[in-house]
N, C-alpha and C. Protein backbone atom coordinates (compact mmCIF):
# COMPACT_ATOMS: atom_id res chain seq x y z
N MET A 1 1.18 -57.62 49.93
CA MET A 1 1.51 -58.87 49.62
C MET A 1 0.73 -60.02 50.64
N ARG A 2 -0.12 -60.71 50.27
CA ARG A 2 -1.05 -61.56 51.11
C ARG A 2 -0.56 -62.94 51.01
N LEU A 3 -0.19 -63.54 52.24
CA LEU A 3 0.37 -64.86 52.48
C LEU A 3 -0.88 -65.72 52.97
N ASN A 4 -0.93 -66.92 52.30
CA ASN A 4 -1.74 -67.93 52.85
C ASN A 4 -0.94 -68.75 53.97
N ILE A 5 -1.53 -68.73 55.21
CA ILE A 5 -0.93 -69.48 56.22
C ILE A 5 -1.80 -70.74 56.88
N SER A 6 -2.60 -71.19 55.90
CA SER A 6 -3.55 -72.30 56.33
C SER A 6 -2.61 -73.41 56.73
N GLY A 7 -1.61 -73.64 56.04
CA GLY A 7 -0.66 -74.94 56.03
C GLY A 7 0.11 -75.03 57.28
N ILE A 8 0.17 -73.97 58.08
CA ILE A 8 0.90 -73.78 59.25
C ILE A 8 0.17 -73.52 60.56
N GLN A 9 -1.26 -73.33 60.26
CA GLN A 9 -1.91 -72.93 61.33
C GLN A 9 -2.30 -74.19 62.32
N GLY A 10 -2.32 -74.02 63.57
CA GLY A 10 -2.33 -75.18 64.51
C GLY A 10 -1.17 -76.03 64.62
N ARG A 11 -0.05 -75.63 64.03
CA ARG A 11 1.15 -76.37 64.09
C ARG A 11 2.22 -75.72 64.58
N LYS A 12 2.36 -75.44 65.92
CA LYS A 12 3.47 -74.58 66.45
C LYS A 12 5.01 -75.07 66.01
N GLY A 13 5.70 -74.28 65.65
CA GLY A 13 7.12 -74.41 65.11
C GLY A 13 7.02 -74.69 63.58
N ALA A 14 5.90 -74.80 62.92
CA ALA A 14 5.97 -75.10 61.43
C ALA A 14 6.32 -73.68 60.95
N SER A 15 6.86 -73.80 59.79
CA SER A 15 7.13 -72.48 59.03
C SER A 15 7.30 -72.64 57.49
N PHE A 16 7.37 -71.77 56.59
CA PHE A 16 7.36 -71.83 55.26
C PHE A 16 8.19 -70.51 54.84
N GLU A 17 8.94 -70.67 53.58
CA GLU A 17 9.63 -69.45 53.08
C GLU A 17 8.94 -69.01 51.73
N VAL A 18 9.14 -67.73 51.45
CA VAL A 18 8.51 -67.12 50.26
C VAL A 18 9.52 -66.30 49.54
N GLN A 19 9.78 -66.38 48.34
CA GLN A 19 10.72 -65.42 47.56
C GLN A 19 9.69 -64.91 46.39
N ARG A 20 9.61 -63.54 46.37
CA ARG A 20 8.82 -62.94 45.25
C ARG A 20 9.37 -61.75 44.90
N ASP A 21 9.03 -61.13 43.63
CA ASP A 21 9.20 -59.95 43.14
C ASP A 21 8.09 -59.08 43.12
N LEU A 22 7.93 -57.85 43.69
CA LEU A 22 6.72 -57.08 43.89
C LEU A 22 7.17 -55.75 43.24
N SER A 23 6.10 -54.96 42.99
CA SER A 23 6.22 -53.70 42.44
C SER A 23 6.50 -52.79 43.32
N GLY A 24 7.29 -51.76 43.01
CA GLY A 24 7.79 -50.72 44.05
C GLY A 24 7.18 -49.39 43.72
N ASP A 25 6.06 -49.28 43.14
CA ASP A 25 5.36 -48.10 42.71
C ASP A 25 5.12 -47.06 43.90
N PHE A 26 5.11 -47.65 45.20
CA PHE A 26 4.70 -46.82 46.18
C PHE A 26 5.88 -45.89 46.49
N LEU A 27 7.15 -46.28 46.09
CA LEU A 27 8.24 -45.50 46.44
C LEU A 27 8.31 -44.22 45.33
N LYS A 28 7.56 -44.27 44.25
CA LYS A 28 7.53 -43.12 43.40
C LYS A 28 6.84 -41.84 44.04
N ALA A 29 6.12 -42.07 45.14
CA ALA A 29 5.41 -41.05 45.80
C ALA A 29 6.47 -40.14 46.77
N LEU A 30 7.67 -40.73 46.92
CA LEU A 30 8.63 -40.04 47.86
C LEU A 30 9.31 -38.99 46.88
N PRO A 31 9.46 -37.72 47.38
CA PRO A 31 10.24 -36.67 46.68
C PRO A 31 11.65 -37.06 46.40
N GLU A 32 12.29 -37.92 47.26
CA GLU A 32 13.71 -38.27 47.14
C GLU A 32 13.94 -39.31 46.14
N VAL A 33 12.91 -40.08 45.71
CA VAL A 33 13.05 -40.99 44.61
C VAL A 33 12.72 -40.44 43.26
N GLU A 34 13.58 -40.49 42.29
CA GLU A 34 13.29 -40.09 40.97
C GLU A 34 12.67 -41.30 40.11
N LYS A 35 13.34 -42.59 40.37
CA LYS A 35 12.95 -43.61 39.47
C LYS A 35 13.07 -44.91 40.33
N VAL A 36 12.08 -45.74 40.17
CA VAL A 36 12.27 -47.10 40.68
C VAL A 36 12.71 -47.92 39.57
N LEU A 37 13.97 -48.44 39.72
CA LEU A 37 14.65 -49.15 38.46
C LEU A 37 14.25 -50.72 38.39
N GLY A 38 13.61 -51.15 39.38
CA GLY A 38 13.22 -52.68 39.20
C GLY A 38 12.22 -53.25 40.26
N PRO A 39 11.92 -54.31 40.26
CA PRO A 39 11.08 -54.66 41.24
C PRO A 39 11.72 -54.98 42.79
N ILE A 40 10.87 -55.07 43.66
CA ILE A 40 11.36 -55.14 45.10
C ILE A 40 11.46 -56.80 45.29
N SER A 41 12.75 -57.01 45.50
CA SER A 41 13.02 -58.46 45.80
C SER A 41 12.66 -58.91 47.33
N VAL A 42 11.78 -59.80 47.46
CA VAL A 42 11.37 -60.08 48.87
C VAL A 42 11.69 -61.50 49.15
N GLU A 43 12.32 -61.68 50.40
CA GLU A 43 12.65 -63.06 50.92
C GLU A 43 12.05 -63.08 52.39
N MET A 44 11.02 -63.98 52.58
CA MET A 44 10.49 -64.06 54.01
C MET A 44 10.25 -65.48 54.26
N LYS A 45 10.46 -65.54 55.80
CA LYS A 45 10.00 -66.72 56.53
C LYS A 45 8.90 -66.47 57.50
N VAL A 46 7.81 -67.35 57.45
CA VAL A 46 6.85 -67.25 58.31
C VAL A 46 6.76 -68.33 59.28
N THR A 47 6.82 -68.14 60.60
CA THR A 47 6.91 -69.27 61.70
C THR A 47 5.74 -69.19 62.36
N ASN A 48 4.97 -70.23 62.68
CA ASN A 48 4.03 -70.35 63.73
C ASN A 48 4.71 -70.57 65.07
N THR A 49 4.55 -69.47 65.98
CA THR A 49 4.95 -69.49 67.32
C THR A 49 4.11 -69.92 68.28
N GLY A 50 2.98 -70.41 68.01
CA GLY A 50 1.83 -70.86 68.87
C GLY A 50 0.90 -69.74 69.02
N GLU A 51 1.39 -68.58 69.66
CA GLU A 51 0.49 -67.50 69.93
C GLU A 51 0.36 -66.32 68.83
N ALA A 52 1.22 -66.65 67.95
CA ALA A 52 1.33 -65.45 66.83
C ALA A 52 2.13 -66.31 65.64
N PHE A 53 2.36 -65.30 64.67
CA PHE A 53 3.14 -65.81 63.36
C PHE A 53 4.15 -64.80 63.38
N LEU A 54 5.40 -65.30 63.41
CA LEU A 54 6.58 -64.48 63.17
C LEU A 54 7.12 -64.34 61.90
N VAL A 55 7.07 -63.10 61.21
CA VAL A 55 7.48 -62.80 60.05
C VAL A 55 8.94 -62.28 59.90
N ALA A 56 9.69 -62.86 59.42
CA ALA A 56 11.11 -62.52 59.25
C ALA A 56 11.62 -62.25 57.77
N GLY A 57 12.03 -61.16 57.41
CA GLY A 57 12.39 -61.09 55.98
C GLY A 57 13.58 -60.03 55.57
N SER A 58 13.80 -60.07 54.37
CA SER A 58 14.67 -58.96 53.80
C SER A 58 14.17 -58.53 52.47
N PHE A 59 14.42 -57.34 52.19
CA PHE A 59 14.03 -56.58 51.01
C PHE A 59 14.84 -55.80 50.28
N SER A 60 14.94 -55.66 48.97
CA SER A 60 15.89 -54.81 48.25
C SER A 60 15.18 -54.44 46.91
N VAL A 61 15.62 -53.22 46.58
CA VAL A 61 15.04 -52.48 45.28
C VAL A 61 16.08 -51.62 44.79
N ASP A 62 16.37 -51.48 43.44
CA ASP A 62 17.29 -50.59 42.90
C ASP A 62 16.44 -49.24 42.53
N VAL A 63 17.07 -48.09 43.09
CA VAL A 63 16.36 -46.99 42.72
C VAL A 63 17.20 -45.86 42.39
N GLU A 64 16.77 -44.77 41.72
CA GLU A 64 17.62 -43.71 41.41
C GLU A 64 17.14 -42.32 42.21
N LEU A 65 18.00 -41.84 43.08
CA LEU A 65 17.73 -40.62 43.82
C LEU A 65 18.52 -39.60 43.18
N ARG A 66 18.34 -38.40 44.06
CA ARG A 66 19.22 -37.20 43.75
C ARG A 66 20.08 -36.77 44.66
N CYS A 67 21.33 -36.34 44.19
CA CYS A 67 22.38 -36.03 45.16
C CYS A 67 21.76 -34.71 45.96
N SER A 68 21.83 -34.54 47.07
CA SER A 68 21.43 -33.44 47.90
C SER A 68 22.26 -32.11 47.75
N ARG A 69 23.51 -32.38 47.17
CA ARG A 69 24.31 -31.24 46.95
C ARG A 69 24.29 -30.73 45.52
N CYS A 70 24.44 -31.64 44.40
CA CYS A 70 24.61 -30.96 43.04
C CYS A 70 23.33 -31.50 42.23
N LEU A 71 22.28 -32.25 42.85
CA LEU A 71 21.02 -32.74 42.22
C LEU A 71 21.22 -33.62 41.27
N GLU A 72 22.41 -34.05 40.90
CA GLU A 72 22.65 -35.20 39.77
C GLU A 72 22.02 -36.62 40.30
N PRO A 73 21.58 -37.46 39.20
CA PRO A 73 21.01 -38.54 39.70
C PRO A 73 22.06 -39.56 40.20
N VAL A 74 21.62 -40.34 41.26
CA VAL A 74 22.51 -41.28 42.14
C VAL A 74 21.84 -42.71 42.02
N ARG A 75 22.53 -43.60 41.52
CA ARG A 75 21.79 -45.02 41.63
C ARG A 75 22.12 -45.73 42.78
N THR A 76 21.11 -46.30 43.59
CA THR A 76 21.53 -46.94 44.82
C THR A 76 20.66 -48.06 44.97
N ARG A 77 20.86 -48.95 45.82
CA ARG A 77 20.07 -50.05 46.29
C ARG A 77 19.43 -49.84 47.69
N LEU A 78 18.21 -49.91 47.95
CA LEU A 78 17.68 -49.78 49.23
C LEU A 78 17.48 -51.17 49.76
N GLU A 79 18.20 -51.43 50.93
CA GLU A 79 18.03 -52.71 51.46
C GLU A 79 17.27 -52.59 53.08
N ALA A 80 16.50 -53.55 53.31
CA ALA A 80 15.85 -53.61 54.40
C ALA A 80 15.78 -54.85 55.09
N ALA A 81 15.52 -55.06 56.43
CA ALA A 81 15.11 -56.33 57.09
C ALA A 81 14.03 -56.03 58.22
N CYS A 82 13.37 -56.93 58.29
CA CYS A 82 12.19 -56.95 59.40
C CYS A 82 12.10 -58.25 60.15
N GLU A 83 11.47 -57.94 61.31
CA GLU A 83 11.06 -59.24 62.14
C GLU A 83 9.99 -58.82 62.97
N GLU A 84 8.73 -59.34 62.66
CA GLU A 84 7.54 -58.84 63.24
C GLU A 84 6.68 -59.71 63.51
N GLU A 85 5.87 -59.79 64.56
CA GLU A 85 4.68 -60.73 64.88
C GLU A 85 3.49 -60.22 64.32
N PHE A 86 2.69 -61.41 63.73
CA PHE A 86 1.31 -61.11 63.39
C PHE A 86 0.49 -61.87 64.59
N LEU A 87 -0.10 -60.96 65.16
CA LEU A 87 -1.11 -61.58 66.37
C LEU A 87 -2.46 -62.22 65.64
N LYS A 88 -2.75 -63.32 66.36
CA LYS A 88 -4.07 -64.09 66.06
C LYS A 88 -5.20 -63.16 66.34
N THR A 89 -5.18 -62.49 67.55
CA THR A 89 -6.26 -61.45 67.82
C THR A 89 -5.48 -60.04 68.35
N PRO A 90 -6.06 -58.95 68.35
CA PRO A 90 -5.29 -57.77 68.79
C PRO A 90 -5.23 -57.91 70.26
N GLU A 91 -4.05 -57.41 70.73
CA GLU A 91 -4.12 -57.17 72.14
C GLU A 91 -4.13 -55.78 72.73
N TYR A 92 -4.98 -55.62 73.75
CA TYR A 92 -5.13 -54.24 74.39
C TYR A 92 -4.68 -54.51 75.74
N GLY A 93 -3.72 -53.44 76.03
CA GLY A 93 -3.12 -53.61 77.33
C GLY A 93 -2.69 -52.19 77.83
N VAL A 94 -1.50 -51.93 78.08
CA VAL A 94 -1.09 -50.72 78.59
C VAL A 94 -1.40 -49.49 77.48
N GLU A 95 -1.58 -48.31 77.90
CA GLU A 95 -1.87 -47.19 76.96
C GLU A 95 -0.74 -47.11 75.93
N GLU A 96 0.52 -47.28 76.20
CA GLU A 96 1.68 -47.09 75.23
C GLU A 96 1.36 -48.31 74.02
N ASP A 97 0.94 -49.46 74.56
CA ASP A 97 0.86 -50.54 73.45
C ASP A 97 -0.24 -50.05 72.40
N LEU A 98 -1.29 -49.32 72.74
CA LEU A 98 -2.38 -48.86 72.03
C LEU A 98 -1.62 -48.10 70.82
N LEU A 99 -0.51 -47.08 71.05
CA LEU A 99 -0.22 -46.47 70.06
C LEU A 99 0.65 -47.07 69.18
N GLU A 100 1.17 -48.37 69.53
CA GLU A 100 2.00 -49.05 68.53
C GLU A 100 1.05 -49.82 67.53
N GLU A 101 1.32 -49.99 66.39
CA GLU A 101 0.71 -50.52 65.19
C GLU A 101 0.96 -52.05 65.54
N GLN A 102 -0.37 -52.80 65.61
CA GLN A 102 -0.32 -54.12 65.65
C GLN A 102 -0.55 -54.88 64.35
N TYR A 103 0.06 -55.77 63.96
CA TYR A 103 -0.18 -56.70 62.78
C TYR A 103 -1.10 -57.80 63.25
N VAL A 104 -2.21 -58.01 62.53
CA VAL A 104 -3.08 -58.94 62.96
C VAL A 104 -3.50 -59.94 61.67
N VAL A 105 -3.57 -61.35 62.00
CA VAL A 105 -3.88 -62.32 60.85
C VAL A 105 -5.37 -62.12 60.67
N GLU A 106 -5.57 -62.11 59.25
CA GLU A 106 -7.01 -62.13 58.81
C GLU A 106 -7.38 -63.36 58.27
N GLY A 107 -8.14 -64.12 59.19
CA GLY A 107 -8.63 -65.46 58.59
C GLY A 107 -7.21 -66.54 58.58
N ASP A 108 -7.17 -66.93 57.33
CA ASP A 108 -6.01 -67.89 56.95
C ASP A 108 -4.94 -67.08 56.20
N GLU A 109 -5.04 -65.87 56.20
CA GLU A 109 -4.04 -65.11 55.56
C GLU A 109 -3.40 -63.73 56.41
N LEU A 110 -2.32 -63.44 56.21
CA LEU A 110 -1.65 -62.17 56.80
C LEU A 110 -1.08 -61.25 55.63
N ASP A 111 -1.26 -59.97 55.73
CA ASP A 111 -0.94 -58.95 54.72
C ASP A 111 0.39 -58.38 55.29
N ALA A 112 1.36 -58.56 54.45
CA ALA A 112 2.60 -58.23 54.85
C ALA A 112 2.93 -56.89 53.99
N SER A 113 2.07 -56.38 53.19
CA SER A 113 2.29 -55.24 52.31
C SER A 113 2.96 -54.18 53.10
N GLY A 114 2.01 -53.69 54.19
CA GLY A 114 2.48 -52.63 54.91
C GLY A 114 3.81 -52.79 55.80
N LEU A 115 4.03 -53.99 56.15
CA LEU A 115 5.41 -54.30 56.84
C LEU A 115 6.65 -53.93 55.73
N ILE A 116 6.48 -54.39 54.64
CA ILE A 116 7.35 -54.39 53.43
C ILE A 116 7.56 -52.67 53.20
N GLN A 117 6.36 -52.08 53.01
CA GLN A 117 6.60 -50.68 52.67
C GLN A 117 7.22 -49.93 53.75
N GLU A 118 6.92 -50.08 55.04
CA GLU A 118 7.40 -49.53 56.17
C GLU A 118 8.95 -49.66 56.43
N SER A 119 9.30 -50.94 55.96
CA SER A 119 10.76 -51.22 56.24
C SER A 119 11.65 -50.57 55.02
N LEU A 120 10.98 -50.41 53.89
CA LEU A 120 11.78 -49.76 52.78
C LEU A 120 11.77 -48.44 52.93
N LEU A 121 10.74 -47.70 53.52
CA LEU A 121 10.61 -46.29 53.43
C LEU A 121 11.64 -45.81 54.53
N VAL A 122 11.83 -46.61 55.73
CA VAL A 122 12.79 -46.10 56.74
C VAL A 122 14.22 -46.42 56.09
N SER A 123 14.56 -47.19 55.03
CA SER A 123 15.79 -47.34 54.59
C SER A 123 16.18 -46.29 53.56
N VAL A 124 15.28 -45.44 53.09
CA VAL A 124 15.58 -44.27 52.23
C VAL A 124 16.53 -43.30 53.05
N PRO A 125 17.70 -43.04 52.50
CA PRO A 125 18.62 -42.12 53.16
C PRO A 125 18.02 -40.77 53.31
N MET A 126 18.46 -40.04 54.42
CA MET A 126 17.93 -38.69 54.58
C MET A 126 18.62 -37.65 53.56
N LYS A 127 20.06 -37.93 53.37
CA LYS A 127 20.74 -37.18 52.47
C LYS A 127 21.64 -38.01 51.65
N VAL A 128 21.63 -37.82 50.39
CA VAL A 128 22.35 -38.66 49.45
C VAL A 128 23.29 -37.81 48.58
N VAL A 129 24.62 -38.41 48.77
CA VAL A 129 25.58 -37.63 47.92
C VAL A 129 26.14 -38.37 46.85
N CYS A 130 26.54 -37.90 45.79
CA CYS A 130 27.12 -38.79 44.64
C CYS A 130 28.52 -39.02 44.94
N SER A 131 29.20 -38.36 45.82
CA SER A 131 30.52 -38.61 46.33
C SER A 131 30.78 -37.84 47.50
N PRO A 132 31.55 -38.19 48.49
CA PRO A 132 31.86 -37.44 49.81
C PRO A 132 32.32 -36.15 49.43
N ASP A 133 33.14 -35.91 48.38
CA ASP A 133 33.72 -34.49 48.12
C ASP A 133 32.93 -33.72 47.23
N CYS A 134 31.76 -34.03 47.05
CA CYS A 134 30.81 -33.39 45.83
C CYS A 134 30.78 -31.88 46.46
N PRO A 135 31.21 -30.84 45.56
CA PRO A 135 31.21 -29.51 45.95
C PRO A 135 29.86 -28.85 45.95
N GLY A 136 28.70 -29.48 45.22
CA GLY A 136 27.47 -28.96 45.07
C GLY A 136 27.21 -27.89 44.06
N LEU A 137 26.30 -27.03 44.32
CA LEU A 137 25.92 -25.95 43.53
C LEU A 137 26.34 -24.65 44.15
N CYS A 138 26.53 -23.53 43.15
CA CYS A 138 26.90 -22.23 43.57
C CYS A 138 25.72 -21.58 44.19
N PRO A 139 25.76 -21.08 45.53
CA PRO A 139 24.55 -20.47 45.98
C PRO A 139 23.89 -19.30 45.47
N LYS A 140 24.91 -18.58 44.54
CA LYS A 140 24.14 -17.25 43.96
C LYS A 140 23.71 -17.66 42.33
N CYS A 141 24.59 -18.46 41.54
CA CYS A 141 24.10 -18.57 40.23
C CYS A 141 23.58 -20.07 40.03
N GLY A 142 23.73 -20.99 40.90
CA GLY A 142 23.35 -22.53 40.72
C GLY A 142 24.13 -23.19 39.84
N ALA A 143 25.42 -22.87 39.26
CA ALA A 143 26.18 -23.60 38.42
C ALA A 143 26.72 -24.74 39.23
N ALA A 144 26.93 -25.95 38.63
CA ALA A 144 27.55 -27.04 39.25
C ALA A 144 29.04 -26.78 39.28
N LEU A 145 29.41 -26.91 40.66
CA LEU A 145 30.95 -26.49 40.79
C LEU A 145 31.79 -27.68 40.61
N ALA A 146 31.17 -28.71 40.46
CA ALA A 146 31.87 -29.97 40.01
C ALA A 146 32.45 -29.86 38.52
N GLU A 147 31.77 -29.11 37.75
CA GLU A 147 32.15 -28.72 36.26
C GLU A 147 33.21 -27.74 36.20
N GLY A 148 33.41 -27.00 37.20
CA GLY A 148 34.27 -25.77 37.11
C GLY A 148 33.92 -24.79 37.98
N THR A 149 34.66 -23.75 38.17
CA THR A 149 34.24 -22.59 39.10
C THR A 149 33.47 -21.67 38.14
N CYS A 150 32.55 -20.85 38.89
CA CYS A 150 31.68 -19.93 38.30
C CYS A 150 32.26 -18.48 38.37
N SER A 151 31.68 -17.49 37.79
CA SER A 151 32.23 -16.19 37.87
C SER A 151 31.53 -15.23 39.05
N CYS A 152 31.00 -15.93 39.95
CA CYS A 152 30.47 -15.16 41.16
C CYS A 152 31.55 -14.79 42.18
N SER A 153 31.33 -13.77 42.89
CA SER A 153 32.58 -13.54 43.91
C SER A 153 32.53 -14.49 44.89
N THR A 154 33.65 -14.63 45.60
CA THR A 154 33.75 -15.91 46.53
C THR A 154 34.13 -15.15 47.92
N ALA A 155 33.43 -14.08 48.30
CA ALA A 155 33.66 -13.17 49.64
C ALA A 155 33.18 -14.38 50.53
N ASP A 156 33.93 -14.51 51.72
CA ASP A 156 33.75 -15.36 52.77
C ASP A 156 32.51 -14.76 53.60
N ILE A 157 31.28 -14.60 53.17
CA ILE A 157 30.39 -14.03 54.10
C ILE A 157 29.43 -15.08 54.40
N ASP A 158 29.13 -15.23 55.74
CA ASP A 158 28.03 -16.22 56.19
C ASP A 158 26.76 -15.59 55.80
N ILE A 159 26.02 -16.40 54.98
CA ILE A 159 24.88 -15.88 54.37
C ILE A 159 23.67 -15.73 55.55
N ARG A 160 23.87 -16.33 56.72
CA ARG A 160 23.01 -15.96 57.76
C ARG A 160 23.07 -14.68 58.29
N LEU A 161 24.47 -14.16 58.20
CA LEU A 161 24.69 -12.99 58.81
C LEU A 161 24.62 -11.61 57.79
N ALA A 162 24.55 -12.05 56.46
CA ALA A 162 24.46 -11.02 55.45
C ALA A 162 23.52 -9.93 55.64
N PRO A 163 22.32 -10.00 56.04
CA PRO A 163 21.49 -8.81 56.22
C PRO A 163 21.90 -7.87 57.29
N LEU A 164 22.78 -8.48 58.07
CA LEU A 164 23.29 -7.64 59.27
C LEU A 164 24.25 -6.64 58.65
N SER A 165 25.07 -7.04 57.58
CA SER A 165 26.00 -6.12 56.70
C SER A 165 25.18 -4.85 56.30
N LYS A 166 23.93 -4.85 55.93
CA LYS A 166 23.19 -3.74 55.48
C LYS A 166 23.04 -2.75 56.56
N LEU A 167 22.87 -3.07 57.83
CA LEU A 167 22.76 -2.35 58.92
C LEU A 167 23.86 -1.53 59.11
N LEU A 168 25.23 -2.02 58.85
CA LEU A 168 26.29 -1.19 59.08
C LEU A 168 26.51 -0.34 57.99
N GLU A 169 26.10 -0.59 56.80
CA GLU A 169 26.08 0.59 55.80
C GLU A 169 25.07 1.68 55.98
N LEU A 170 24.02 1.33 56.65
CA LEU A 170 22.97 2.46 56.86
C LEU A 170 23.28 3.28 58.10
N SER A 171 23.93 2.74 59.11
CA SER A 171 24.37 3.44 60.23
C SER A 171 25.35 4.60 60.23
N PRO A 172 25.09 5.78 60.77
CA PRO A 172 26.10 6.75 60.66
C PRO A 172 27.58 6.44 61.44
N PRO A 173 28.64 7.02 60.98
CA PRO A 173 29.85 6.59 61.66
C PRO A 173 29.73 7.29 63.14
N ALA A 174 30.44 6.52 64.09
CA ALA A 174 30.50 7.18 65.35
C ALA A 174 31.33 8.37 65.51
N GLU A 175 30.65 9.40 66.18
CA GLU A 175 31.54 10.68 66.46
C GLU A 175 32.08 10.86 67.54
N THR A 176 31.74 10.40 68.73
CA THR A 176 32.55 10.26 69.94
C THR A 176 33.04 9.04 70.16
N PRO A 177 34.29 9.15 70.86
CA PRO A 177 34.94 7.92 71.11
C PRO A 177 34.22 7.12 72.30
N GLU A 178 34.33 6.07 72.20
CA GLU A 178 33.77 5.12 73.34
C GLU A 178 34.30 5.48 74.55
N ARG A 179 33.41 5.34 75.78
CA ARG A 179 33.91 5.54 76.88
C ARG A 179 34.52 4.32 77.55
N ARG A 180 35.83 4.41 77.96
CA ARG A 180 36.50 3.24 78.50
C ARG A 180 37.19 3.73 79.85
N LYS A 181 37.91 3.00 80.29
CA LYS A 181 38.64 3.26 81.49
C LYS A 181 39.85 4.39 81.25
N ASP A 182 40.49 4.21 80.01
CA ASP A 182 41.34 5.17 79.54
C ASP A 182 40.70 6.36 78.98
N ASN A 183 39.46 6.34 78.84
CA ASN A 183 38.78 7.49 78.33
C ASN A 183 37.89 8.36 79.58
N GLY A 184 38.26 7.99 80.73
CA GLY A 184 37.46 8.76 81.86
C GLY A 184 36.11 8.21 82.22
N SER A 185 36.03 6.77 82.21
CA SER A 185 34.88 6.02 82.52
C SER A 185 34.65 6.49 83.85
N THR A 186 33.05 6.60 84.23
CA THR A 186 32.71 6.94 85.59
C THR A 186 32.60 5.74 86.39
N LYS A 187 32.74 4.54 85.90
CA LYS A 187 32.63 3.30 86.64
C LYS A 187 33.88 2.70 86.97
N GLU A 188 34.98 3.36 86.81
CA GLU A 188 36.30 3.06 87.17
C GLU A 188 36.37 3.14 88.88
N LYS A 189 36.79 2.14 89.38
CA LYS A 189 37.03 2.12 90.74
C LYS A 189 38.56 1.95 91.15
N THR A 190 38.97 2.57 92.16
CA THR A 190 40.36 2.47 92.48
C THR A 190 40.54 2.11 93.89
N PHE A 191 41.56 1.21 94.34
CA PHE A 191 41.60 0.86 95.66
C PHE A 191 42.96 1.42 96.27
N GLN A 192 42.90 2.18 97.13
CA GLN A 192 44.19 2.76 97.76
C GLN A 192 44.22 2.04 99.24
N GLY A 193 45.45 1.71 99.28
CA GLY A 193 45.65 0.99 100.77
C GLY A 193 46.28 1.51 101.71
């Protein structure tokens, strides 16, 4: 989204507001997003601060995500806000500053597309659940547990330790009792006073 700033250049403190609907096609590339259900609603204010242009805005878009437990579709609204300076010329200073992305004005325009995209990408939740008590899927057969129980056994075995149970089956039973204090351990020490 390119914004023409020629009307506020050279006028410190001058500002203008923008309200637009933009395409959210870039969100379709995310594996978490199943569908983009509408345009991105953008509200921005651009202010000339003298040395830079301050862009403050809020963005929202309706999307369909997948529940991370049961994989059912979940409709939600992604909302984000930003406040960023667009510099008139790039600044080169400390080494840490070089690693940060700088937004720079291009002639009489500034391109806010990257800012909008970054803000919305950060707002995508890491784990989406359709409800806090969603039981998810059966780890053995994949049946949706919200629809009812499956016929799989429900032994309480930690799946991370399951391969160790095979070692117990393969090892022969112990023939001699373990040596302990009561079985004549050689490391037993007694103190007599």
